[in-house]
C-alpha atoms as a PDB file:
ATOM      1  CA  MET A   1     -94.126-123.165-100.724  1.00  0.00           C
ATOM      2  CA  THR A   2     -93.191-125.059-103.865  1.00  0.00           C
ATOM      3  CA  PHE A   3     -93.441-123.497-107.347  1.00  0.00           C
ATOM      4  CA  ASP A   4     -93.944-124.993-110.800  1.00  0.00           C
ATOM      5  CA  THR A   5     -91.953-122.227-112.484  1.00  0.00           C
ATOM      6  CA  ILE A   6     -89.149-119.953-111.304  1.00  0.00           C
ATOM      7  CA  ALA A   7     -88.504-116.833-113.379  1.00  0.00           C
ATOM      8  CA  VAL A   8     -85.785-114.225-112.924  1.00  0.00           C
ATOM      9  CA  LEU A   9     -86.130-110.794-114.523  1.00  0.00           C
ATOM     10  CA  ASP A  10     -83.289-108.371-115.255  1.00  0.00           C
ATOM     11  CA  TRP A  11     -84.748-104.972-116.169  1.00  0.00           C
ATOM     12  CA  SER A  12     -83.521-102.006-118.235  1.00  0.00           C
ATOM     13  CA  ALA A  13     -84.228 -98.284-118.404  1.00  0.00           C
ATOM     14  CA  ALA A  14     -82.983 -97.947-121.996  1.00  0.00           C
ATOM     15  CA  SER A  15     -84.639 -95.083-123.868  1.00  0.00           C
ATOM     16  CA  LEU A  16     -84.598 -96.969-127.213  1.00  0.00           C
ATOM     17  CA  PRO A  17     -85.315-100.626-128.094  1.00  0.00           C
ATOM     18  CA  LYS A  18     -82.254-102.625-127.091  1.00  0.00           C
ATOM     19  CA  THR A  19     -81.032-106.209-127.007  1.00  0.00           C
ATOM     20  CA  GLY A  20     -77.867-107.799-125.706  1.00  0.00           C
ATOM     21  CA  ARG A  21     -75.944-106.385-122.805  1.00  0.00           C
ATOM     22  CA  ASP A  22     -77.825-104.088-120.383  1.00  0.00           C
ATOM     23  CA  SER A  23     -81.229-104.895-121.890  1.00  0.00           C
ATOM     24  CA  ILE A  24     -84.197-106.858-120.525  1.00  0.00           C
ATOM     25  CA  TRP A  25     -83.567-110.548-119.904  1.00  0.00           C
ATOM     26  CA  LEU A  26     -85.956-113.154-118.542  1.00  0.00           C
ATOM     27  CA  GLY A  27     -84.785-116.562-117.375  1.00  0.00           C
ATOM     28  CA  VAL A  28     -87.536-119.147-116.879  1.00  0.00           C
ATOM     29  CA  ALA A  29     -86.861-122.475-115.142  1.00  0.00           C
ATOM     30  CA  GLY A  30     -89.724-124.956-115.462  1.00  0.00           C
ATOM     31  CA  PRO A  31     -90.313-128.696-115.688  1.00  0.00           C
ATOM     32  CA  ASP A  32     -88.772-128.802-119.166  1.00  0.00           C
ATOM     33  CA  GLY A  33     -85.556-126.921-118.419  1.00  0.00           C
ATOM     34  CA  VAL A  34     -84.477-123.299-118.622  1.00  0.00           C
ATOM     35  CA  GLN A  35     -85.455-120.797-121.286  1.00  0.00           C
ATOM     36  CA  THR A  36     -83.782-117.407-121.666  1.00  0.00           C
ATOM     37  CA  LEU A  37     -85.527-114.546-123.434  1.00  0.00           C
ATOM     38  CA  ASN A  38     -84.121-111.174-124.505  1.00  0.00           C
ATOM     39  CA  LEU A  39     -86.890-108.575-124.835  1.00  0.00           C
ATOM     40  CA  PRO A  40     -86.029-105.286-126.610  1.00  0.00           C
ATOM     41  CA  THR A  41     -88.725-103.050-125.067  1.00  0.00           C
ATOM     42  CA  ARG A  42     -90.522-102.745-121.774  1.00  0.00           C
ATOM     43  CA  ARG A  43     -93.881-103.029-123.559  1.00  0.00           C
ATOM     44  CA  GLN A  44     -92.850-106.372-125.029  1.00  0.00           C
ATOM     45  CA  ALA A  45     -91.536-107.531-121.666  1.00  0.00           C
ATOM     46  CA  GLU A  46     -94.772-106.577-119.957  1.00  0.00           C
ATOM     47  CA  ALA A  47     -96.796-108.441-122.586  1.00  0.00           C
ATOM     48  CA  ARG A  48     -94.624-111.521-122.186  1.00  0.00           C
ATOM     49  CA  LEU A  49     -94.944-111.439-118.397  1.00  0.00           C
ATOM     50  CA  ALA A  50     -98.705-110.973-118.680  1.00  0.00           C
ATOM     51  CA  GLN A  51     -98.819-114.128-120.804  1.00  0.00           C
ATOM     52  CA  VAL A  52     -96.745-116.016-118.228  1.00  0.00           C
ATOM     53  CA  PHE A  53     -99.149-114.859-115.512  1.00  0.00           C
ATOM     54  CA  HIS A  54    -102.156-115.920-117.589  1.00  0.00           C
ATOM     55  CA  ASP A  55    -100.691-119.345-118.362  1.00  0.00           C
ATOM     56  CA  THR A  56     -99.831-119.911-114.701  1.00  0.00           C
ATOM     57  CA  ARG A  57    -103.398-119.223-113.617  1.00  0.00           C
ATOM     58  CA  ALA A  58    -104.949-121.170-116.496  1.00  0.00           C
ATOM     59  CA  LYS A  59    -102.943-124.276-115.598  1.00  0.00           C
ATOM     60  CA  GLY A  60    -103.579-123.953-111.868  1.00  0.00           C
ATOM     61  CA  GLN A  61     -99.860-123.689-111.218  1.00  0.00           C
ATOM     62  CA  ARG A  62     -97.562-121.494-109.120  1.00  0.00           C
ATOM     63  CA  LEU A  63     -94.980-118.972-110.320  1.00  0.00           C
ATOM     64  CA  LEU A  64     -92.168-117.246-108.465  1.00  0.00           C
ATOM     65  CA  LEU A  65     -90.925-114.146-110.289  1.00  0.00           C
ATOM     66  CA  ALA A  66     -87.700-112.718-108.889  1.00  0.00           C
ATOM     67  CA  CYS A  67     -86.968-109.218-110.198  1.00  0.00           C
ATOM     68  CA  ASP A  68     -83.613-107.453-110.116  1.00  0.00           C
ATOM     69  CA  LEU A  69     -85.361-104.266-108.955  1.00  0.00           C
ATOM     70  CA  SER A  70     -85.689-102.574-105.579  1.00  0.00           C
ATOM     71  CA  PHE A  71     -89.288-103.068-104.457  1.00  0.00           C
ATOM     72  CA  GLY A  72     -89.040-100.220-101.953  1.00  0.00           C
ATOM     73  CA  PHE A  73     -87.062 -97.068-101.188  1.00  0.00           C
ATOM     74  CA  PRO A  74     -85.418 -95.894 -97.962  1.00  0.00           C
ATOM     75  CA  ALA A  75     -87.881 -95.192 -95.157  1.00  0.00           C
ATOM     76  CA  GLY A  76     -89.624 -91.833 -95.353  1.00  0.00           C
ATOM     77  CA  PHE A  77     -89.802 -91.598 -99.128  1.00  0.00           C
ATOM     78  CA  ALA A  78     -93.130 -93.335 -99.747  1.00  0.00           C
ATOM     79  CA  ARG A  79     -94.875 -91.343 -97.031  1.00  0.00           C
ATOM     80  CA  ALA A  80     -93.583 -88.048 -98.409  1.00  0.00           C
ATOM     81  CA  LEU A  81     -94.993 -88.800-101.878  1.00  0.00           C
ATOM     82  CA  THR A  82     -98.146 -90.747-101.085  1.00  0.00           C
ATOM     83  CA  GLY A  83     -99.012 -90.015 -97.479  1.00  0.00           C
ATOM     84  CA  GLN A  84     -98.575 -93.727 -96.728  1.00  0.00           C
ATOM     85  CA  ALA A  85     -95.449 -95.452 -95.458  1.00  0.00           C
ATOM     86  CA  GLN A  86     -96.082 -98.365 -97.816  1.00  0.00           C
ATOM     87  CA  ALA A  87     -94.026 -99.470-100.797  1.00  0.00           C
ATOM     88  CA  LEU A  88     -97.059-100.677-102.733  1.00  0.00           C
ATOM     89  CA  ALA A  89     -98.655 -97.221-102.467  1.00  0.00           C
ATOM     90  CA  LEU A  90     -95.514 -95.868-104.099  1.00  0.00           C
ATOM     91  CA  TRP A  91     -95.850 -98.463-106.897  1.00  0.00           C
ATOM     92  CA  ASP A  92     -99.276 -97.010-107.650  1.00  0.00           C
ATOM     93  CA  TRP A  93     -97.945 -93.432-107.481  1.00  0.00           C
ATOM     94  CA  LEU A  94     -95.251 -94.245-110.010  1.00  0.00           C
ATOM     95  CA  GLY A  95     -97.832 -95.984-112.197  1.00  0.00           C
ATOM     96  CA  GLN A  96     -99.829 -92.765-112.296  1.00  0.00           C
ATOM     97  CA  HIS A  97     -96.878 -90.563-113.251  1.00  0.00           C
ATOM     98  CA  ILE A  98     -94.449 -92.629-115.351  1.00  0.00           C
ATOM     99  CA  THR A  99     -95.133 -92.706-119.094  1.00  0.00           C
ATOM    100  CA  ASP A 100     -93.318 -95.254-121.250  1.00  0.00           C
ATOM    101  CA  ASP A 101     -94.175 -95.808-124.905  1.00  0.00           C
ATOM    102  CA  ALA A 102     -93.714 -98.719-127.288  1.00  0.00           C
ATOM    103  CA  GLY A 103     -90.353 -97.331-128.397  1.00  0.00           C
ATOM    104  CA  ASN A 104     -88.974 -97.196-124.816  1.00  0.00           C
ATOM    105  CA  ARG A 105     -89.302 -93.407-124.580  1.00  0.00           C
ATOM    106  CA  HIS A 106     -89.998 -92.501-120.973  1.00  0.00           C
ATOM    107  CA  ASN A 107     -90.294 -89.530-118.615  1.00  0.00           C
ATOM    108  CA  LEU A 108     -88.465 -90.997-115.628  1.00  0.00           C
ATOM    109  CA  ARG A 109     -86.158 -88.001-115.208  1.00  0.00           C
ATOM    110  CA  ASP A 110     -89.102 -85.620-115.051  1.00  0.00           C
ATOM    111  CA  VAL A 111     -90.810 -87.848-112.509  1.00  0.00           C
ATOM    112  CA  ALA A 112     -87.617 -88.026-110.452  1.00  0.00           C
ATOM    113  CA  ALA A 113     -87.471 -84.220-110.476  1.00  0.00           C
ATOM    114  CA  MET A 114     -91.129 -84.138-109.407  1.00  0.00           C
ATOM    115  CA  ALA A 115     -90.345 -86.493-106.527  1.00  0.00           C
ATOM    116  CA  ASN A 116     -87.379 -84.313-105.540  1.00  0.00           C
ATOM    117  CA  SER A 117     -89.714 -81.331-105.233  1.00  0.00           C
ATOM    118  CA  HIS A 118     -91.427 -83.007-102.282  1.00  0.00           C
ATOM    119  CA  PHE A 119     -88.260 -82.521-100.224  1.00  0.00           C
ATOM    120  CA  PRO A 120     -86.244 -79.502 -99.132  1.00  0.00           C
ATOM    121  CA  GLY A 121     -82.855 -79.069-100.786  1.00  0.00           C
ATOM    122  CA  ASP A 122     -81.692 -80.807-103.952  1.00  0.00           C
ATOM    123  CA  GLY A 123     -82.457 -84.485-103.585  1.00  0.00           C
ATOM    124  CA  PRO A 124     -82.757 -87.339-103.192  1.00  0.00           C
ATOM    125  CA  PHE A 125     -82.643 -88.436-106.869  1.00  0.00           C
ATOM    126  CA  TRP A 126     -79.581 -87.528-108.887  1.00  0.00           C
ATOM    127  CA  GLY A 127     -77.802 -88.553-112.071  1.00  0.00           C
ATOM    128  CA  ASN A 128     -79.095 -87.124-115.328  1.00  0.00           C
ATOM    129  CA  GLY A 129     -77.533 -89.093-118.170  1.00  0.00           C
ATOM    130  CA  ALA A 130     -79.335 -87.102-120.887  1.00  0.00           C
ATOM    131  CA  LYS A 131     -77.786 -84.209-122.814  1.00  0.00           C
ATOM    132  CA  ALA A 132     -80.448 -81.717-121.799  1.00  0.00           C
ATOM    133  CA  ASP A 133     -80.667 -80.476-118.235  1.00  0.00           C
ATOM    134  CA  VAL A 134     -83.744 -81.406-116.236  1.00  0.00           C
ATOM    135  CA  PRO A 135     -84.742 -78.719-113.722  1.00  0.00           C
ATOM    136  CA  GLY A 136     -84.813 -80.258-110.279  1.00  0.00           C
ATOM    137  CA  LEU A 137     -82.579 -83.201-111.139  1.00  0.00           C
ATOM    138  CA  PHE A 138     -78.878 -82.731-110.471  1.00  0.00           C
ATOM    139  CA  ARG A 139     -76.189 -84.555-112.406  1.00  0.00           C
ATOM    140  CA  ARG A 140     -73.983 -84.989-109.361  1.00  0.00           C
ATOM    141  CA  LYS A 141     -74.857 -86.477-105.984  1.00  0.00           C
ATOM    142  CA  PRO A 142     -76.448 -83.850-103.719  1.00  0.00           C
ATOM    143  CA  VAL A 143     -76.741 -83.758 -99.946  1.00  0.00           C
ATOM    144  CA  LEU A 144     -79.619 -86.036 -99.001  1.00  0.00           C
ATOM    145  CA  PRO A 145     -82.694 -84.441 -97.429  1.00  0.00           C
ATOM    146  CA  LYS A 146     -82.779 -84.802 -93.677  1.00  0.00           C
ATOM    147  CA  GLY A 147     -84.308 -88.088 -92.572  1.00  0.00           C
ATOM    148  CA  LEU A 148     -83.594 -90.042 -95.781  1.00  0.00           C
ATOM    149  CA  SER A 149     -80.847 -92.652 -95.923  1.00  0.00           C
ATOM    150  CA  GLU A 150     -78.706 -93.455 -98.937  1.00  0.00           C
ATOM    151  CA  PHE A 151     -79.441 -97.170 -98.567  1.00  0.00           C
ATOM    152  CA  ARG A 152     -82.274 -99.322 -97.311  1.00  0.00           C
ATOM    153  CA  LEU A 153     -81.590-101.675 -94.419  1.00  0.00           C
ATOM    154  CA  THR A 154     -81.403-104.660 -96.773  1.00  0.00           C
ATOM    155  CA  GLU A 155     -78.760-102.890 -98.859  1.00  0.00           C
ATOM    156  CA  GLN A 156     -76.776-102.011 -95.741  1.00  0.00           C
ATOM    157  CA  VAL A 157     -76.830-105.691 -94.742  1.00  0.00           C
ATOM    158  CA  ALA A 158     -75.831-106.703 -98.271  1.00  0.00           C
ATOM    159  CA  ARG A 159     -72.882-104.317 -98.235  1.00  0.00           C
ATOM    160  CA  ALA A 160     -71.779-105.655 -94.846  1.00  0.00           C
ATOM    161  CA  GLN A 161     -71.748-109.121 -96.478  1.00  0.00           C
ATOM    162  CA  GLY A 162     -69.435-107.980 -99.271  1.00  0.00           C
ATOM    163  CA  LEU A 163     -72.052-107.141-101.896  1.00  0.00           C
ATOM    164  CA  TYR A 164     -72.293-103.670-103.401  1.00  0.00           C
ATOM    165  CA  PRO A 165     -75.836-102.697-104.410  1.00  0.00           C
ATOM    166  CA  LYS A 166     -76.168 -99.135-105.625  1.00  0.00           C
ATOM    167  CA  SER A 167     -78.449 -96.570-104.019  1.00  0.00           C
ATOM    168  CA  SER A 168     -81.954 -96.220-105.449  1.00  0.00           C
ATOM    169  CA  TRP A 169     -81.344 -92.477-105.686  1.00  0.00           C
ATOM    170  CA  GLN A 170     -78.655 -92.886-108.372  1.00  0.00           C
ATOM    171  CA  LEU A 171     -80.222 -92.734-111.839  1.00  0.00           C
ATOM    172  CA  ALA A 172     -77.117 -92.779-114.052  1.00  0.00           C
ATOM    173  CA  GLY A 173     -73.644 -94.281-114.064  1.00  0.00           C
ATOM    174  CA  ALA A 174     -72.231 -97.788-113.799  1.00  0.00           C
ATOM    175  CA  GLY A 175     -74.530-100.188-111.992  1.00  0.00           C
ATOM    176  CA  ALA A 176     -77.200 -97.576-111.275  1.00  0.00           C
ATOM    177  CA  VAL A 177     -80.512 -99.241-110.448  1.00  0.00           C
ATOM    178  CA  GLY A 178     -82.582 -96.140-109.668  1.00  0.00           C
ATOM    179  CA  ALA A 179     -83.764 -95.522-113.223  1.00  0.00           C
ATOM    180  CA  GLN A 180     -84.733 -99.185-113.631  1.00  0.00           C
ATOM    181  CA  ASN A 181     -86.821 -98.995-110.470  1.00  0.00           C
ATOM    182  CA  LEU A 182     -88.765 -95.976-111.718  1.00  0.00           C
ATOM    183  CA  VAL A 183     -89.759 -97.622-115.020  1.00  0.00           C
ATOM    184  CA  GLY A 184     -89.985-101.167-113.652  1.00  0.00           C
ATOM    185  CA  LEU A 185     -92.251-100.826-110.626  1.00  0.00           C
ATOM    186  CA  PRO A 186     -95.184 -99.419-112.650  1.00  0.00           C
ATOM    187  CA  VAL A 187     -95.032-102.522-114.851  1.00  0.00           C
ATOM    188  CA  LEU A 188     -95.163-104.799-111.802  1.00  0.00           C
ATOM    189  CA  ALA A 189     -98.020-102.733-110.379  1.00  0.00           C
ATOM    190  CA  ARG A 190    -100.051-103.227-113.553  1.00  0.00           C
ATOM    191  CA  LEU A 191     -99.317-106.941-113.666  1.00  0.00           C
ATOM    192  CA  ARG A 192    -100.376-107.260-110.031  1.00  0.00           C
ATOM    193  CA  ASP A 193    -103.590-105.335-110.673  1.00  0.00           C
ATOM    194  CA  SER A 194    -104.377-107.520-113.697  1.00  0.00           C
ATOM    195  CA  ALA A 195    -104.822-110.572-111.486  1.00  0.00           C
ATOM    196  CA  PRO A 196    -106.421-109.360-108.239  1.00  0.00           C
ATOM    197  CA  GLY A 197    -106.166-111.859-105.429  1.00  0.00           C
ATOM    198  CA  HIS A 198    -103.730-114.041-107.341  1.00  0.00           C
ATOM    199  CA  VAL A 199    -100.464-112.093-106.915  1.00  0.00           C
ATOM    200  CA  ALA A 200     -98.509-111.568-103.689  1.00  0.00           C
ATOM    201  CA  VAL A 201     -95.583-109.163-103.352  1.00  0.00           C
ATOM    202  CA  TRP A 202     -93.128-110.458-100.755  1.00  0.00           C
ATOM    203  CA  PRO A 203     -92.221-109.388 -98.085  1.00  0.00           C
ATOM    204  CA  PHE A 204     -95.165-106.979 -97.945  1.00  0.00           C
ATOM    205  CA  GLU A 205     -97.637-109.834 -98.433  1.00  0.00           C
ATOM    206  CA  ALA A 206     -97.573-113.523 -97.492  1.00  0.00           C
ATOM    207  CA  PRO A 207     -96.189-115.695-100.321  1.00  0.00           C
ATOM    208  CA  ASP A 208     -99.262-117.922-100.399  1.00  0.00           C
ATOM    209  CA  ARG A 209    -100.832-116.960-103.737  1.00  0.00           C
ATOM    210  CA  PRO A 210    -100.368-118.608-107.137  1.00  0.00           C
ATOM    211  CA  ILE A 211     -97.981-115.867-108.300  1.00  0.00           C
ATOM    212  CA  VAL A 212     -95.360-114.434-105.951  1.00  0.00           C
ATOM    213  CA  LEU A 213     -93.144-111.455-106.772  1.00  0.00           C
ATOM    214  CA  VAL A 214     -89.838-110.955-104.957  1.00  0.00           C
ATOM    215  CA  GLU A 215     -86.883-108.675-105.476  1.00  0.00           C
ATOM    216  CA  THR A 216     -83.489-110.230-105.917  1.00  0.00           C
ATOM    217  CA  TYR A 217     -79.883-109.299-106.547  1.00  0.00           C
ATOM    218  CA  THR A 218     -78.181-111.363-109.221  1.00  0.00           C
ATOM    219  CA  ALA A 219     -74.751-110.858-107.630  1.00  0.00           C
ATOM    220  CA  LEU A 220     -75.801-113.488-105.087  1.00  0.00           C
ATOM    221  CA  ILE A 221     -74.466-116.078-107.569  1.00  0.00           C
ATOM    222  CA  ASP A 222     -71.626-114.010-108.993  1.00  0.00           C
ATOM    223  CA  GLY A 223     -69.112-116.867-108.871  1.00  0.00           C
ATOM    224  CA  PRO A 224     -70.977-119.197-111.249  1.00  0.00           C
ATOM    225  CA  VAL A 225     -71.807-116.240-113.501  1.00  0.00           C
ATOM    226  CA  ARG A 226     -68.119-115.368-113.808  1.00  0.00           C
ATOM    227  CA  ALA A 227     -67.332-119.004-114.586  1.00  0.00           C
ATOM    228  CA  ALA A 228     -69.993-119.206-117.313  1.00  0.00           C
ATOM    229  CA  ASP A 229     -69.214-119.355-121.028  1.00  0.00           C
ATOM    230  CA  PRO A 230     -67.724-115.904-121.844  1.00  0.00           C
ATOM    231  CA  SER A 231     -69.554-115.895-125.165  1.00  0.00           C
ATOM    232  CA  VAL A 232     -72.877-115.742-123.275  1.00  0.00           C
ATOM    233  CA  VAL A 233     -74.097-112.249-122.381  1.00  0.00           C
ATOM    234  CA  ARG A 234     -73.528-111.784-118.649  1.00  0.00           C
ATOM    235  CA  ASP A 235     -77.129-110.665-118.049  1.00  0.00           C
ATOM    236  CA  ALA A 236     -78.401-113.825-119.754  1.00  0.00           C
ATOM    237  CA  ALA A 237     -76.163-116.011-117.612  1.00  0.00           C
ATOM    238  CA  GLN A 238     -77.336-114.241-114.451  1.00  0.00           C
ATOM    239  CA  VAL A 239     -81.059-114.776-114.990  1.00  0.00           C
ATOM    240  CA  ALA A 240     -80.684-118.372-116.197  1.00  0.00           C
ATOM    241  CA  LEU A 241     -78.323-119.473-113.430  1.00  0.00           C
ATOM    242  CA  LEU A 242     -80.230-117.744-110.640  1.00  0.00           C
ATOM    243  CA  ALA A 243     -83.503-119.278-111.854  1.00  0.00           C
ATOM    244  CA  GLN A 244     -81.830-122.709-111.837  1.00  0.00           C
ATOM    245  CA  ALA A 245     -80.382-122.139-108.353  1.00  0.00           C
ATOM    246  CA  VAL A 246     -83.730-121.121-106.841  1.00  0.00           C
ATOM    247  CA  GLN A 247     -85.436-124.036-108.602  1.00  0.00           C
ATOM    248  CA  ALA A 248     -82.857-126.440-107.155  1.00  0.00           C
ATOM    249  CA  MET A 249     -83.480-125.142-103.620  1.00  0.00           C
ATOM    250  CA  ASP A 250     -87.219-125.431-104.197  1.00  0.00           C
ATOM    251  CA  ARG A 251     -86.885-129.044-105.313  1.00  0.00           C
ATOM    252  CA  ALA A 252     -84.768-129.745-102.227  1.00  0.00           C
ATOM    253  CA  GLY A 253     -87.561-128.354-100.025  1.00  0.00           C
ATOM    254  CA  LEU A 254     -85.360-125.508 -98.782  1.00  0.00           C
ATOM    255  CA  LEU A 255     -87.071-122.506-100.330  1.00  0.00           C
ATOM    256  CA  PRO A 256     -88.761-121.479 -97.017  1.00  0.00           C
ATOM    257  CA  ARG A 257     -85.291-120.412 -95.826  1.00  0.00           C
ATOM    258  CA  LEU A 258     -85.298-117.642 -98.419  1.00  0.00           C
ATOM    259  CA  PHE A 259     -88.753-116.513 -97.307  1.00  0.00           C
ATOM    260  CA  ALA A 260     -87.677-115.952 -93.694  1.00  0.00           C
ATOM    261  CA  PRO A 261     -89.299-112.715 -92.438  1.00  0.00           C
ATOM    262  CA  PRO A 262     -87.014-109.676 -92.695  1.00  0.00           C
ATOM    263  CA  PRO A 263     -86.383-107.345 -89.735  1.00  0.00           C
ATOM    264  CA  PRO A 264     -89.567-105.457 -88.777  1.00  0.00           C
ATOM    265  CA  GLN A 265     -88.096-102.062 -89.701  1.00  0.00           C
ATOM    266  CA  ALA A 266     -87.914-103.199 -93.347  1.00  0.00           C
ATOM    267  CA  LEU A 267     -91.724-103.406 -93.477  1.00  0.00           C
ATOM    268  CA  PRO A 268     -93.953-102.201 -94.981  1.00  0.00           C
ATOM    269  CA  GLU A 269     -91.916 -99.546 -96.771  1.00  0.00           C
ATOM    270  CA  GLU A 270     -88.416-100.703 -97.632  1.00  0.00           C
ATOM    271  CA  GLY A 271     -88.706-104.377 -98.552  1.00  0.00           C
ATOM    272  CA  TRP A 272     -85.949-106.989 -98.590  1.00  0.00           C
ATOM    273  CA  ILE A 273     -83.664-108.779-101.051  1.00  0.00           C
ATOM    274  CA  PHE A 274     -84.922-112.341-101.508  1.00  0.00           C
ATOM    275  CA  GLY A 275     -82.083-114.761-100.893  1.00  0.00           C
ATOM    276  CA  LEU A 276     -79.870-112.281 -99.040  1.00  0.00           C
ATOM    277  CA  GLY A 277     -77.490-114.206 -96.818  1.00  0.00           C
ATOM    278  CA  HIS A 278     -78.135-117.410 -98.753  1.00  0.00           C
ATOM    279  CA  GLY A 279     -75.744-116.889-101.656  1.00  0.00           C
ATOM    280  CA  PRO A 280     -73.593-119.917-100.686  1.00  0.00           C
ATOM    281  CA  ASP A 281     -76.713-122.115-100.479  1.00  0.00           C
ATOM    282  CA  LEU A 282     -77.848-120.960-103.913  1.00  0.00           C
ATOM    283  CA  VAL A 283     -74.431-121.581-105.435  1.00  0.00           C
ATOM    284  CA  ASP A 284     -74.165-124.992-103.753  1.00  0.00           C
ATOM    285  CA  HIS A 285     -77.528-126.154-105.064  1.00  0.00           C
ATOM    286  CA  LEU A 286     -76.780-124.748-108.506  1.00  0.00           C
ATOM    287  CA  THR A 287     -73.614-126.845-108.747  1.00  0.00           C
ATOM    288  CA  ARG A 288     -75.604-129.933-107.752  1.00  0.00           C
ATOM    289  CA  ALA A 289     -78.418-129.301-110.235  1.00  0.00           C
END
C-alpha cells in the first residue's frame, strides 16, 4: 500500500487564467520534501499531471493523487445521464460534453443545464454566477427532482462529524464545489485513459495499481492550515500540509486505515472521501513529521 509520492490537488473552475487564492494548487510530497505548484490554467495543470504520471511509470514507482473534487454525485444522477449507475461512466459523459480551452473558457453552465433537462422540474444544478442567463440553469436553489438527495452519503457523514462540504449541485457562491467537479472530472478521465491498466480510482477500483486517484477534503486538517504562516495562500498551505500528513501516515504503515472500504451504498456511484473520520490521525502524524 506504500507510495513513493503523495500529491494533493486543489482545483478551480475559473473562467480566466488565475493564480493565487482560489486557483489550481498542487502539493507534491516525495523523497526530497514537499513542492507546491500554482498552475494558472486547467490545460497547464493537466499537462503537469500527465508528466507526473509519466515519470511515475517510467521510474517504476507509485503515486497517490488526492483531489479536492467529488468523484461521484448523489445516487440516481449517473444512471439518469448515462444509463449506468456508475461514477466512472459519468466521468466519460462529462468528458464528451465539457469543453475547456487554453484560456480557461468553458461551457460548464451549458452542460449543467443539459444535465438538468434529464429530470422533471428545475434541477438539480443551480447557481449561475455569470451575467447572462442560461436557460435551464436557475440562479437560486430549486426543489430537487424526486429521488435525488442534496448530499451523498459520504457528505452526510462528514457533516455529522462537524465538517461542512457543499452540495455538488451548487455551482456558484462561497465554497461551491459543483463547478469544479464539472471541469475537473473530465481531466481525471483523460489522465486515467492515457495510462490504461496503470491507474485505479478508489473506491470504485482496488488501490493496487501504480497510480491511485482518491477524492479528499482539505478541511480534514483545518487546524494546522489555520495555524500556518498567514502570508502563505491558504490553498497552498492546504495541499502541502495534507500531502505531508498522508505521507507521514504512509511512512508509519497506517495508510490502509484510510483505504477502509466505504459503506456498500456508496458504491459504485457516489464514492467516498478518502481520510474521512481520520482527521485527528492525519493531524497527529503531521505534527510528528
